N, C-alpha and C. Protein backbone atom coordinates (compact mmCIF):
# COMPACT_ATOMS: atom_id res chain seq x y z
N MET A 1 -34.42 -16.34 9.68
CA MET A 1 -33.24 -15.72 9.37
C MET A 1 -32.52 -14.48 10.02
N CYS A 2 -31.49 -14.80 10.52
CA CYS A 2 -30.95 -13.69 11.30
C CYS A 2 -30.35 -12.86 10.53
N ASP A 3 -30.61 -11.29 11.32
CA ASP A 3 -30.11 -10.10 10.61
C ASP A 3 -28.75 -9.83 10.31
N ARG A 4 -28.17 -10.00 9.23
CA ARG A 4 -26.31 -9.78 8.91
C ARG A 4 -26.03 -8.53 8.14
N SER A 5 -27.16 -7.43 8.36
CA SER A 5 -26.56 -6.31 8.00
C SER A 5 -25.41 -5.72 8.66
N LEU A 6 -24.75 -6.15 9.91
CA LEU A 6 -23.51 -5.67 10.64
C LEU A 6 -23.16 -7.03 11.69
N VAL A 7 -22.58 -7.51 11.10
CA VAL A 7 -22.07 -9.17 11.98
C VAL A 7 -20.53 -8.75 12.57
N ARG A 8 -21.21 -8.68 14.23
CA ARG A 8 -19.87 -9.01 14.91
C ARG A 8 -19.44 -9.97 14.92
N GLU A 9 -18.16 -10.11 15.86
CA GLU A 9 -17.70 -11.35 15.99
C GLU A 9 -18.57 -12.62 17.13
N ASP A 10 -19.57 -11.65 17.78
CA ASP A 10 -20.04 -12.37 18.44
C ASP A 10 -21.15 -12.89 18.17
N HIS A 11 -21.69 -12.45 16.85
CA HIS A 11 -22.86 -13.23 16.20
C HIS A 11 -23.15 -14.63 16.13
N PRO A 12 -24.32 -15.24 16.18
CA PRO A 12 -24.45 -16.63 16.63
C PRO A 12 -24.07 -17.31 15.24
N THR A 13 -22.87 -18.56 15.14
CA THR A 13 -22.46 -19.31 14.49
C THR A 13 -23.17 -20.60 14.46
N GLY A 14 -23.79 -20.78 15.87
CA GLY A 14 -24.21 -22.38 15.80
C GLY A 14 -25.10 -23.05 14.77
N GLY A 15 -26.07 -22.31 14.23
CA GLY A 15 -27.58 -22.93 13.63
C GLY A 15 -27.43 -22.30 12.29
N GLY A 16 -28.29 -23.26 11.69
CA GLY A 16 -29.16 -22.18 10.65
C GLY A 16 -28.12 -22.23 9.51
N HIS A 17 -27.10 -23.36 9.18
CA HIS A 17 -26.52 -23.26 8.10
C HIS A 17 -26.82 -23.99 6.96
N ARG A 18 -26.88 -23.57 5.55
CA ARG A 18 -27.43 -24.28 4.57
C ARG A 18 -26.48 -25.18 4.05
N ASN A 19 -25.58 -25.36 4.42
CA ASN A 19 -24.54 -26.61 3.85
C ASN A 19 -23.37 -27.02 4.73
N ALA A 20 -23.01 -28.27 4.24
CA ALA A 20 -22.10 -28.80 5.37
C ALA A 20 -20.73 -27.80 5.47
N TYR A 21 -20.61 -27.23 4.17
CA TYR A 21 -19.26 -25.80 4.74
C TYR A 21 -19.37 -25.08 5.67
N GLY A 22 -20.98 -24.60 5.98
CA GLY A 22 -20.97 -24.00 6.80
C GLY A 22 -20.87 -24.45 8.25
N ARG A 23 -21.54 -25.70 8.26
CA ARG A 23 -21.44 -26.54 9.40
C ARG A 23 -20.18 -26.83 10.16
N THR A 24 -19.43 -26.96 8.92
CA THR A 24 -18.17 -27.52 9.68
C THR A 24 -16.98 -26.48 9.74
N LYS A 25 -17.35 -25.34 9.07
CA LYS A 25 -16.44 -23.89 9.03
C LYS A 25 -17.04 -23.56 10.41
N ALA A 26 -18.08 -23.75 11.24
CA ALA A 26 -18.60 -23.36 12.58
C ALA A 26 -17.91 -24.22 13.61
N ALA A 27 -17.89 -24.87 13.33
CA ALA A 27 -17.29 -26.17 14.23
C ALA A 27 -15.94 -26.21 14.24
N ALA A 28 -15.15 -26.20 13.25
CA ALA A 28 -13.85 -25.67 13.13
C ALA A 28 -13.50 -24.17 14.05
N ASP A 29 -14.40 -23.31 13.82
CA ASP A 29 -14.48 -21.71 14.47
C ASP A 29 -14.40 -22.10 16.14
N ARG A 30 -15.60 -22.81 16.38
CA ARG A 30 -15.52 -23.09 17.97
C ARG A 30 -14.43 -24.09 18.68
N LEU A 31 -13.94 -25.18 17.85
CA LEU A 31 -12.95 -25.64 18.43
C LEU A 31 -11.68 -24.97 18.46
N ALA A 32 -11.38 -23.96 17.67
CA ALA A 32 -10.30 -23.13 17.92
C ALA A 32 -10.00 -22.08 18.59
N LEU A 33 -11.32 -21.76 18.90
CA LEU A 33 -11.50 -20.60 19.82
C LEU A 33 -11.60 -20.97 21.32
N GLN A 34 -12.30 -22.67 21.67
CA GLN A 34 -11.72 -22.83 22.66
C GLN A 34 -10.37 -23.48 22.90
N ALA A 35 -9.40 -23.58 22.15
CA ALA A 35 -8.48 -23.91 22.55
C ALA A 35 -7.22 -22.62 22.71
N GLY A 36 -7.96 -21.53 22.50
CA GLY A 36 -7.43 -20.24 22.76
C GLY A 36 -6.55 -19.69 21.50
N ALA A 37 -7.09 -19.96 20.40
CA ALA A 37 -6.56 -19.68 19.08
C ALA A 37 -6.83 -17.95 18.34
N VAL A 38 -6.35 -17.44 17.66
CA VAL A 38 -6.76 -16.27 17.10
C VAL A 38 -7.28 -17.09 15.91
N VAL A 39 -8.61 -16.65 15.63
CA VAL A 39 -9.43 -17.00 14.60
C VAL A 39 -9.75 -15.80 13.88
N LEU A 40 -9.26 -15.75 12.34
CA LEU A 40 -9.87 -14.92 11.41
C LEU A 40 -10.84 -15.15 10.73
N ARG A 41 -12.05 -14.30 10.52
CA ARG A 41 -13.21 -14.90 9.98
C ARG A 41 -12.97 -13.77 8.43
N PRO A 42 -12.75 -13.87 7.40
CA PRO A 42 -12.68 -13.21 6.17
C PRO A 42 -14.14 -13.57 5.54
N ARG A 43 -14.89 -12.65 4.49
CA ARG A 43 -16.22 -13.16 3.59
C ARG A 43 -15.73 -13.16 2.51
N ALA A 44 -16.01 -13.99 1.50
CA ALA A 44 -15.78 -13.77 0.14
C ALA A 44 -14.62 -13.59 -0.31
N VAL A 45 -13.59 -14.46 -0.09
CA VAL A 45 -12.23 -13.96 -0.62
C VAL A 45 -12.13 -14.52 -1.67
N TYR A 46 -11.45 -13.36 -2.70
CA TYR A 46 -11.04 -12.86 -4.11
C TYR A 46 -9.80 -12.83 -4.39
N GLY A 47 -9.30 -12.84 -5.49
CA GLY A 47 -8.11 -12.18 -5.89
C GLY A 47 -7.07 -13.55 -6.56
N PRO A 48 -5.72 -13.53 -6.56
CA PRO A 48 -4.95 -14.21 -7.10
C PRO A 48 -5.04 -15.42 -6.64
N GLY A 49 -5.50 -16.90 -7.30
CA GLY A 49 -5.44 -17.91 -7.58
C GLY A 49 -7.12 -18.15 -6.98
N ASP A 50 -8.09 -17.40 -7.23
CA ASP A 50 -9.46 -17.50 -6.96
C ASP A 50 -9.97 -18.85 -7.55
N PRO A 51 -10.21 -19.98 -7.06
CA PRO A 51 -11.13 -20.81 -8.14
C PRO A 51 -12.41 -21.06 -7.62
N HIS A 52 -12.96 -20.01 -7.03
CA HIS A 52 -14.45 -19.95 -6.76
C HIS A 52 -15.27 -18.66 -7.18
N LEU A 53 -14.88 -18.00 -6.30
CA LEU A 53 -15.93 -16.64 -6.51
C LEU A 53 -16.16 -16.25 -7.78
N MET A 54 -14.99 -15.69 -8.20
CA MET A 54 -14.81 -15.00 -9.63
C MET A 54 -15.07 -16.08 -10.92
N PRO A 55 -14.70 -17.23 -11.25
CA PRO A 55 -15.11 -18.31 -11.93
C PRO A 55 -16.49 -18.47 -12.13
N ARG A 56 -17.07 -18.56 -10.86
CA ARG A 56 -18.38 -19.20 -10.66
C ARG A 56 -18.96 -17.81 -11.23
N LEU A 57 -18.76 -16.48 -10.82
CA LEU A 57 -19.59 -15.37 -11.18
C LEU A 57 -19.56 -15.07 -13.11
N LEU A 58 -18.20 -15.65 -13.52
CA LEU A 58 -18.08 -15.18 -15.33
C LEU A 58 -18.63 -16.45 -15.76
N GLU A 59 -19.09 -17.40 -15.36
CA GLU A 59 -19.49 -18.44 -16.10
C GLU A 59 -21.00 -18.34 -16.04
N ARG A 60 -21.66 -17.51 -15.33
CA ARG A 60 -22.79 -17.01 -15.10
C ARG A 60 -23.49 -16.59 -16.20
N VAL A 61 -22.78 -15.52 -16.99
CA VAL A 61 -23.28 -14.59 -17.67
C VAL A 61 -23.60 -15.30 -19.04
N ARG A 62 -24.57 -14.93 -19.80
CA ARG A 62 -24.90 -15.43 -20.68
C ARG A 62 -25.44 -14.60 -21.79
N ARG A 63 -25.07 -14.90 -22.98
CA ARG A 63 -25.65 -13.70 -24.10
C ARG A 63 -25.38 -12.09 -23.50
N GLY A 64 -24.38 -11.82 -22.70
CA GLY A 64 -24.32 -10.47 -22.27
C GLY A 64 -24.93 -10.20 -21.11
N LEU A 65 -26.13 -11.02 -20.46
CA LEU A 65 -26.79 -10.92 -19.07
C LEU A 65 -26.13 -11.25 -18.03
N LEU A 66 -26.14 -10.97 -16.92
CA LEU A 66 -25.37 -11.79 -15.62
C LEU A 66 -26.98 -11.27 -14.69
N LEU A 67 -27.67 -12.46 -14.69
CA LEU A 67 -29.12 -12.40 -13.63
C LEU A 67 -28.27 -12.42 -12.29
N LEU A 68 -28.71 -11.74 -11.34
CA LEU A 68 -28.35 -11.96 -10.02
C LEU A 68 -29.93 -11.90 -9.06
N PRO A 69 -29.87 -12.63 -8.02
CA PRO A 69 -31.21 -12.64 -7.57
C PRO A 69 -31.51 -11.60 -6.40
N GLY A 70 -32.52 -10.97 -6.63
CA GLY A 70 -33.20 -9.92 -5.76
C GLY A 70 -32.26 -8.61 -5.87
N PRO A 71 -32.53 -7.43 -5.52
CA PRO A 71 -32.28 -5.99 -5.71
C PRO A 71 -30.62 -6.02 -4.95
N ASP A 72 -30.04 -4.64 -5.22
CA ASP A 72 -28.68 -4.50 -5.20
C ASP A 72 -28.56 -4.86 -3.44
N VAL A 73 -27.31 -5.35 -2.95
CA VAL A 73 -27.38 -5.30 -1.53
C VAL A 73 -25.97 -5.11 -1.11
N PRO A 74 -25.70 -4.39 0.12
CA PRO A 74 -24.34 -4.34 0.73
C PRO A 74 -24.16 -5.49 0.87
N LEU A 75 -22.28 -5.83 0.70
CA LEU A 75 -21.54 -7.33 1.16
C LEU A 75 -20.53 -6.50 1.39
N SER A 76 -20.00 -7.48 2.46
CA SER A 76 -18.50 -7.55 2.92
C SER A 76 -17.83 -8.46 1.68
N LEU A 77 -16.71 -7.94 1.08
CA LEU A 77 -15.57 -8.69 0.56
C LEU A 77 -14.46 -9.00 1.10
N THR A 78 -13.32 -9.86 0.94
CA THR A 78 -12.52 -9.65 1.35
C THR A 78 -11.12 -9.96 0.76
N ALA A 79 -10.19 -9.02 0.09
CA ALA A 79 -9.36 -9.60 -0.96
C ALA A 79 -8.07 -10.42 -0.46
N VAL A 80 -7.87 -11.66 -1.25
CA VAL A 80 -6.73 -12.58 -0.48
C VAL A 80 -5.40 -11.54 0.19
N GLN A 81 -5.17 -10.52 -0.60
CA GLN A 81 -3.75 -9.86 -0.01
C GLN A 81 -4.10 -9.40 1.52
N ASN A 82 -5.58 -8.80 1.57
CA ASN A 82 -5.76 -8.34 3.19
C ASN A 82 -5.69 -9.39 4.08
N LEU A 83 -6.32 -10.40 3.29
CA LEU A 83 -6.50 -11.58 4.51
C LEU A 83 -5.21 -12.32 4.74
N ALA A 84 -4.00 -12.31 3.77
CA ALA A 84 -2.42 -12.62 3.93
C ALA A 84 -2.15 -11.65 4.97
N GLU A 85 -2.50 -10.17 4.91
CA GLU A 85 -1.53 -9.09 5.56
C GLU A 85 -1.94 -9.35 7.36
N ALA A 86 -3.48 -9.64 7.19
CA ALA A 86 -4.20 -9.97 8.62
C ALA A 86 -3.42 -11.22 9.22
N CYS A 87 -3.58 -12.10 8.90
CA CYS A 87 -2.77 -13.17 9.02
C CYS A 87 -1.43 -12.99 9.56
N LEU A 88 -0.22 -12.27 8.95
CA LEU A 88 0.76 -12.05 9.54
C LEU A 88 0.79 -11.08 10.81
N ALA A 89 0.01 -9.96 10.69
CA ALA A 89 -0.47 -9.18 11.74
C ALA A 89 -0.81 -9.68 13.15
N ALA A 90 -1.68 -11.01 12.67
CA ALA A 90 -2.53 -11.68 13.78
C ALA A 90 -1.60 -12.28 14.69
N ALA A 91 -0.46 -12.92 14.29
CA ALA A 91 0.48 -13.42 15.47
C ALA A 91 0.75 -12.48 16.63
N GLU A 92 0.66 -11.29 16.30
CA GLU A 92 0.78 -10.60 17.79
C GLU A 92 -0.75 -10.04 18.45
N TRP A 93 -1.84 -10.43 18.03
CA TRP A 93 -3.34 -10.40 18.73
C TRP A 93 -3.51 -11.38 19.44
N ALA A 94 -4.15 -10.89 20.68
CA ALA A 94 -5.14 -11.77 21.56
C ALA A 94 -6.00 -13.01 20.76
N PRO A 95 -5.74 -14.06 22.00
CA PRO A 95 -6.88 -14.64 21.33
C PRO A 95 -7.97 -14.40 20.91
N GLY A 96 -8.96 -15.10 20.45
CA GLY A 96 -10.30 -14.82 19.90
C GLY A 96 -10.40 -14.94 18.34
N ALA A 97 -11.90 -14.15 18.24
CA ALA A 97 -12.64 -14.27 16.83
C ALA A 97 -12.21 -12.85 16.18
N TYR A 98 -11.55 -12.91 15.36
CA TYR A 98 -11.79 -11.11 14.32
C TYR A 98 -12.38 -11.53 12.78
N ASN A 99 -13.02 -10.47 12.49
CA ASN A 99 -13.56 -10.67 11.22
C ASN A 99 -12.51 -9.59 10.64
N ILE A 100 -12.06 -9.94 8.85
CA ILE A 100 -11.50 -9.51 8.26
C ILE A 100 -12.23 -9.28 6.95
N THR A 101 -12.05 -7.89 6.54
CA THR A 101 -12.78 -7.59 5.07
C THR A 101 -12.08 -6.39 4.53
N ASP A 102 -12.29 -6.20 3.34
CA ASP A 102 -11.46 -5.22 2.70
C ASP A 102 -12.55 -3.87 3.39
N ALA A 103 -11.87 -2.60 3.62
CA ALA A 103 -11.95 -1.27 4.53
C ALA A 103 -13.35 -1.27 4.55
N GLU A 104 -14.07 -0.76 3.03
CA GLU A 104 -15.80 -1.05 3.21
C GLU A 104 -16.34 -1.82 2.60
N PRO A 105 -17.58 -2.34 3.00
CA PRO A 105 -18.26 -3.16 2.05
C PRO A 105 -18.92 -2.39 0.75
N TYR A 106 -19.43 -3.27 -0.06
CA TYR A 106 -19.29 -3.00 -1.34
C TYR A 106 -20.85 -3.29 -1.67
N ARG A 107 -21.41 -2.37 -2.62
CA ARG A 107 -22.87 -2.60 -3.31
C ARG A 107 -22.32 -3.81 -4.12
N ARG A 108 -23.80 -4.43 -4.36
CA ARG A 108 -23.44 -5.83 -4.92
C ARG A 108 -22.98 -5.59 -6.40
N ASP A 109 -23.76 -4.77 -6.86
CA ASP A 109 -23.90 -4.92 -8.44
C ASP A 109 -22.96 -3.90 -8.87
N ALA A 110 -22.45 -2.67 -8.23
CA ALA A 110 -21.31 -2.16 -8.40
C ALA A 110 -19.93 -3.20 -8.37
N ALA A 111 -19.95 -4.21 -7.41
CA ALA A 111 -18.79 -4.63 -7.30
C ALA A 111 -18.69 -6.14 -8.63
N VAL A 112 -19.97 -6.32 -9.09
CA VAL A 112 -19.95 -7.12 -9.84
C VAL A 112 -19.52 -6.59 -11.32
N ARG A 113 -20.04 -5.25 -11.51
CA ARG A 113 -19.51 -4.82 -12.73
C ARG A 113 -18.02 -4.24 -12.55
N THR A 114 -17.31 -4.59 -11.68
CA THR A 114 -15.96 -4.17 -11.55
C THR A 114 -15.35 -5.18 -12.00
N VAL A 115 -15.84 -6.32 -11.21
CA VAL A 115 -15.16 -7.89 -11.47
C VAL A 115 -15.27 -8.06 -12.95
N LEU A 116 -16.57 -7.67 -13.77
CA LEU A 116 -17.05 -8.16 -15.05
C LEU A 116 -15.87 -7.20 -15.80
N ALA A 117 -15.69 -5.93 -15.51
CA ALA A 117 -14.88 -5.11 -16.35
C ALA A 117 -13.03 -5.37 -16.55
N THR A 118 -12.90 -5.99 -15.02
CA THR A 118 -11.49 -6.23 -15.29
C THR A 118 -11.12 -7.41 -15.82
N GLN A 119 -12.18 -8.17 -16.35
CA GLN A 119 -12.22 -9.42 -16.96
C GLN A 119 -12.43 -9.30 -18.31
N GLY A 120 -12.49 -8.25 -18.55
CA GLY A 120 -13.08 -7.71 -20.12
C GLY A 120 -14.06 -8.55 -20.51
N VAL A 121 -15.35 -8.43 -19.61
CA VAL A 121 -16.76 -9.16 -19.98
C VAL A 121 -17.82 -8.19 -19.84
N ARG A 122 -18.08 -7.94 -20.65
CA ARG A 122 -19.29 -6.89 -21.10
C ARG A 122 -20.68 -7.63 -21.00
N ALA A 123 -21.12 -7.53 -19.99
CA ALA A 123 -22.62 -7.58 -19.52
C ALA A 123 -23.64 -6.71 -19.13
N ARG A 124 -25.11 -6.98 -19.25
CA ARG A 124 -25.72 -6.12 -18.39
C ARG A 124 -25.84 -6.90 -17.35
N ILE A 125 -26.35 -6.25 -16.06
CA ILE A 125 -26.81 -6.94 -14.82
C ILE A 125 -28.18 -6.90 -14.96
N GLY A 126 -29.19 -8.11 -14.73
CA GLY A 126 -30.47 -8.08 -14.41
C GLY A 126 -30.62 -8.86 -12.91
N HIS A 127 -32.05 -8.37 -12.83
CA HIS A 127 -32.43 -8.72 -11.23
C HIS A 127 -33.11 -9.81 -11.42
N VAL A 128 -33.46 -11.10 -10.76
CA VAL A 128 -34.88 -12.04 -10.50
C VAL A 128 -35.32 -12.14 -9.24
N PRO A 129 -36.51 -12.10 -8.99
CA PRO A 129 -37.24 -12.60 -7.75
C PRO A 129 -36.46 -13.38 -6.51
N VAL A 130 -35.85 -13.40 -5.81
CA VAL A 130 -35.26 -13.92 -4.50
C VAL A 130 -35.92 -15.33 -4.60
N ALA A 131 -37.42 -15.43 -4.26
CA ALA A 131 -37.97 -16.77 -4.49
C ALA A 131 -37.99 -17.52 -6.11
N ALA A 132 -37.80 -16.97 -7.07
CA ALA A 132 -37.69 -17.84 -8.08
C ALA A 132 -36.24 -17.85 -8.10
N ALA A 133 -34.95 -17.59 -7.87
CA ALA A 133 -33.89 -17.72 -7.87
C ALA A 133 -33.81 -18.92 -6.90
N GLU A 134 -34.47 -19.09 -5.50
CA GLU A 134 -33.98 -20.05 -4.58
C GLU A 134 -35.03 -21.55 -5.18
N PHE A 135 -36.11 -20.81 -6.12
CA PHE A 135 -36.73 -22.31 -6.15
C PHE A 135 -35.79 -22.90 -7.40
N ALA A 136 -35.07 -22.17 -8.00
CA ALA A 136 -34.18 -22.71 -9.60
C ALA A 136 -33.16 -23.19 -8.75
N ALA A 137 -32.64 -22.37 -7.89
CA ALA A 137 -31.54 -23.48 -6.86
C ALA A 137 -31.88 -25.01 -6.22
N ARG A 138 -32.87 -24.52 -5.35
CA ARG A 138 -33.64 -26.01 -5.10
C ARG A 138 -33.85 -27.10 -6.07
N ARG A 139 -34.37 -26.81 -7.41
CA ARG A 139 -34.74 -27.94 -8.28
C ARG A 139 -33.73 -28.32 -9.16
N GLY A 140 -32.48 -27.37 -8.87
CA GLY A 140 -31.44 -27.63 -9.79
C GLY A 140 -31.18 -27.47 -11.23
N LEU A 141 -32.00 -26.32 -11.66
CA LEU A 141 -32.55 -25.86 -12.84
C LEU A 141 -31.54 -25.24 -13.90
N LEU A 142 -30.58 -24.67 -13.02
CA LEU A 142 -29.04 -23.73 -13.43
C LEU A 142 -28.19 -24.84 -13.02
N PRO A 143 -27.43 -25.25 -13.89
CA PRO A 143 -26.16 -25.61 -12.81
C PRO A 143 -25.08 -24.96 -12.32
N GLY A 144 -24.40 -25.33 -10.94
CA GLY A 144 -24.07 -24.54 -10.07
C GLY A 144 -24.69 -23.39 -9.21
N LEU A 145 -25.77 -22.99 -9.36
CA LEU A 145 -26.92 -22.34 -8.66
C LEU A 145 -27.13 -22.87 -7.68
N THR A 146 -26.89 -22.88 -6.43
CA THR A 146 -26.96 -23.45 -4.73
C THR A 146 -27.90 -22.55 -4.27
N PRO A 147 -28.88 -23.13 -3.40
CA PRO A 147 -29.35 -22.29 -2.37
C PRO A 147 -28.55 -21.39 -1.47
N TYR A 148 -27.17 -21.90 -1.44
CA TYR A 148 -26.38 -21.15 -0.97
C TYR A 148 -26.01 -20.04 -1.35
N ALA A 149 -25.56 -19.98 -2.87
CA ALA A 149 -25.08 -19.01 -3.12
C ALA A 149 -26.15 -17.87 -3.33
N VAL A 150 -27.39 -18.30 -3.80
CA VAL A 150 -28.43 -17.17 -3.58
C VAL A 150 -28.60 -16.64 -2.17
N ASP A 151 -28.53 -17.19 -1.00
CA ASP A 151 -28.61 -16.81 0.12
C ASP A 151 -27.30 -15.50 0.47
N GLN A 152 -26.14 -15.88 -0.42
CA GLN A 152 -24.97 -15.25 -0.33
C GLN A 152 -25.28 -13.85 -0.91
N LEU A 153 -25.64 -14.27 -2.26
CA LEU A 153 -25.85 -13.24 -2.99
C LEU A 153 -27.04 -11.91 -3.12
N ALA A 154 -27.95 -12.74 -2.30
CA ALA A 154 -29.71 -11.79 -2.11
C ALA A 154 -29.60 -11.22 -0.91
N ARG A 155 -28.98 -11.33 0.01
CA ARG A 155 -29.04 -10.82 1.29
C ARG A 155 -27.83 -9.89 1.94
N PRO A 156 -28.18 -8.81 2.64
CA PRO A 156 -27.09 -7.79 3.24
C PRO A 156 -26.37 -8.78 3.87
N VAL A 157 -24.93 -9.06 4.03
CA VAL A 157 -23.86 -9.45 4.51
C VAL A 157 -22.72 -8.28 5.07
N VAL A 158 -22.90 -7.81 5.97
CA VAL A 158 -21.74 -6.82 6.37
C VAL A 158 -20.84 -7.17 7.72
N LEU A 159 -19.53 -7.42 7.75
CA LEU A 159 -18.76 -7.85 8.71
C LEU A 159 -18.39 -6.48 9.35
N ASP A 160 -18.73 -6.40 10.73
CA ASP A 160 -17.68 -5.34 11.61
C ASP A 160 -16.53 -5.58 11.94
N THR A 161 -16.08 -4.85 11.57
CA THR A 161 -14.43 -5.09 11.79
C THR A 161 -13.76 -4.30 12.82
N THR A 162 -14.66 -4.00 13.38
CA THR A 162 -13.90 -2.93 14.88
C THR A 162 -12.55 -3.76 15.27
N ARG A 163 -12.97 -4.90 15.68
CA ARG A 163 -11.97 -5.53 16.80
C ARG A 163 -10.37 -5.72 15.97
N ALA A 164 -10.74 -5.92 14.89
CA ALA A 164 -9.27 -6.00 13.88
C ALA A 164 -8.78 -4.46 13.90
N ALA A 165 -9.32 -3.47 13.60
CA ALA A 165 -9.38 -2.34 13.70
C ALA A 165 -8.65 -1.89 14.97
N ASP A 166 -9.42 -2.42 16.12
CA ASP A 166 -8.92 -2.09 17.41
C ASP A 166 -6.83 -2.79 17.56
N GLN A 167 -6.72 -3.46 16.78
CA GLN A 167 -5.61 -4.08 17.00
C GLN A 167 -4.41 -3.30 16.21
N GLY A 168 -5.23 -2.63 15.11
CA GLY A 168 -4.41 -1.84 14.47
C GLY A 168 -4.11 -1.91 12.97
N PHE A 169 -4.99 -3.34 12.83
CA PHE A 169 -5.05 -3.57 11.31
C PHE A 169 -5.99 -2.48 10.25
N ARG A 170 -5.25 -2.68 9.38
CA ARG A 170 -6.01 -1.69 8.29
C ARG A 170 -5.82 -1.96 6.65
N PRO A 171 -6.93 -2.74 6.35
CA PRO A 171 -6.78 -3.63 4.86
C PRO A 171 -6.31 -2.21 4.01
N ARG A 172 -5.32 -2.61 3.01
CA ARG A 172 -4.89 -1.79 2.60
C ARG A 172 -5.19 -1.79 0.63
N TRP A 173 -5.81 -3.33 0.57
CA TRP A 173 -6.10 -3.49 -0.80
C TRP A 173 -7.63 -3.32 -1.07
N GLU A 174 -8.09 -2.95 -1.96
CA GLU A 174 -9.64 -3.07 -2.62
C GLU A 174 -9.98 -3.56 -3.91
N LEU A 175 -11.23 -3.75 -3.78
CA LEU A 175 -11.55 -4.57 -5.07
C LEU A 175 -10.89 -4.18 -6.68
N THR A 176 -10.66 -2.97 -6.88
CA THR A 176 -9.95 -2.54 -7.90
C THR A 176 -8.45 -2.80 -7.98
N SER A 177 -7.99 -2.27 -6.80
CA SER A 177 -6.11 -2.57 -6.79
C SER A 177 -6.01 -4.23 -6.65
N ALA A 178 -6.77 -5.01 -6.00
CA ALA A 178 -6.62 -6.65 -5.87
C ALA A 178 -6.79 -7.14 -7.13
N LEU A 179 -7.93 -6.69 -8.24
CA LEU A 179 -8.19 -7.51 -9.21
C LEU A 179 -7.28 -7.15 -10.37
N SER A 180 -6.68 -6.02 -9.96
CA SER A 180 -5.27 -5.19 -11.14
C SER A 180 -4.56 -6.26 -10.73
N ALA A 181 -3.61 -6.31 -9.43
CA ALA A 181 -2.92 -7.40 -9.31
C ALA A 181 -3.24 -8.91 -9.68
N THR A 182 -4.55 -9.44 -9.66
CA THR A 182 -4.72 -10.61 -10.07
C THR A 182 -4.40 -10.68 -12.06
N ASN A 183 -4.73 -9.75 -12.71
CA ASN A 183 -4.86 -9.75 -13.70
C ASN A 183 -2.87 -8.98 -14.25
N ASP A 184 -2.43 -8.73 -13.63
CA ASP A 184 -0.56 -8.35 -13.43
C ASP A 184 0.15 -9.43 -13.43
N HIS A 185 -0.49 -10.57 -12.69
CA HIS A 185 0.54 -11.31 -12.45
C HIS A 185 0.12 -12.73 -13.00
N GLU A 186 1.30 -13.55 -13.91
CA GLU A 186 1.24 -14.68 -14.59
C GLU A 186 0.76 -15.95 -13.28
N CYS A 187 1.07 -15.71 -12.01
CA CYS A 187 0.67 -16.64 -10.86
C CYS A 187 -0.76 -16.61 -10.29
N ALA A 188 -1.49 -15.75 -11.31
CA ALA A 188 -2.91 -15.05 -10.35
C ALA A 188 -3.56 -17.11 -10.30
N THR A 189 -3.16 -17.92 -10.85
CA THR A 189 -3.69 -19.53 -10.88
C THR A 189 -2.36 -20.45 -10.45
N PRO A 190 -2.33 -20.63 -9.27
CA PRO A 190 -1.47 -21.36 -8.91
C PRO A 190 -0.88 -22.85 -9.47
N ALA A 191 0.29 -22.86 -9.70
CA ALA A 191 0.70 -24.35 -10.43
C ALA A 191 0.47 -25.61 -9.74
N LYS A 192 -0.01 -26.43 -10.26
CA LYS A 192 -0.21 -27.71 -9.85
C LYS A 192 0.68 -28.47 -9.37
N ILE A 193 1.19 -29.19 -8.15
CA ILE A 193 1.88 -29.68 -7.67
C ILE A 193 1.78 -31.20 -8.19
N THR A 194 2.80 -32.02 -8.81
CA THR A 194 2.10 -33.32 -9.14
C THR A 194 3.45 -34.09 -8.61
C-alpha cells in the first residue's frame, strides 16, 4: 500500500483500487487528462445533499457509541461548497489535475465529533483494531461496512492542494460552516425529479 500522507496530483492512480468505483474513477481521470481537460480531484465530499458520507456515519452509531477503525488519523475532506467554487474557478485554469479540499486536513475523530454534534447525536467514539475491522468488512459482519470504508477511515489521506492554490483558489468553507449551511437550508436534500 502506498503512502497517502501527502498526495500530490502525480500520485499513482493506476492500480491498487479496492473496488469498481476506484477503478472507474481512475480510468475516467486518465481519459479526461489525455483529452486536455481540467480534472478536479476532491476527497470525501460532504455538505448539502450528501447521500453517502454523513448518512453512513450516522447509521453506524449504536447505543451512544460509534466505533472507528484504528487510531485517529489526519484526513482531507471537501465541502461541496468548496468544490462548487473550484468548479467555477477552474474554467480559467490550465489543463491538468488539481486536488480540491478544505483549507486544512482534519483529525478524523474531531471531524466525526463535529458531524455528530451538528446532527444532535450524542455518542462516544471507540476504536477497534484495523485488522478486526477489515475482517468484519470482508465477512460482511456489519451491514454497510466495506473494506473500502475501513481503508478510507483507518489510514491517513491528505491531499496536497498546492496546484489549486497556485491558481489563486482558496477554499472558504470548513467543516463547521459547511455543516451549519446544511442544517440551515431546507434544500439540504435535493427534491427527486419524477
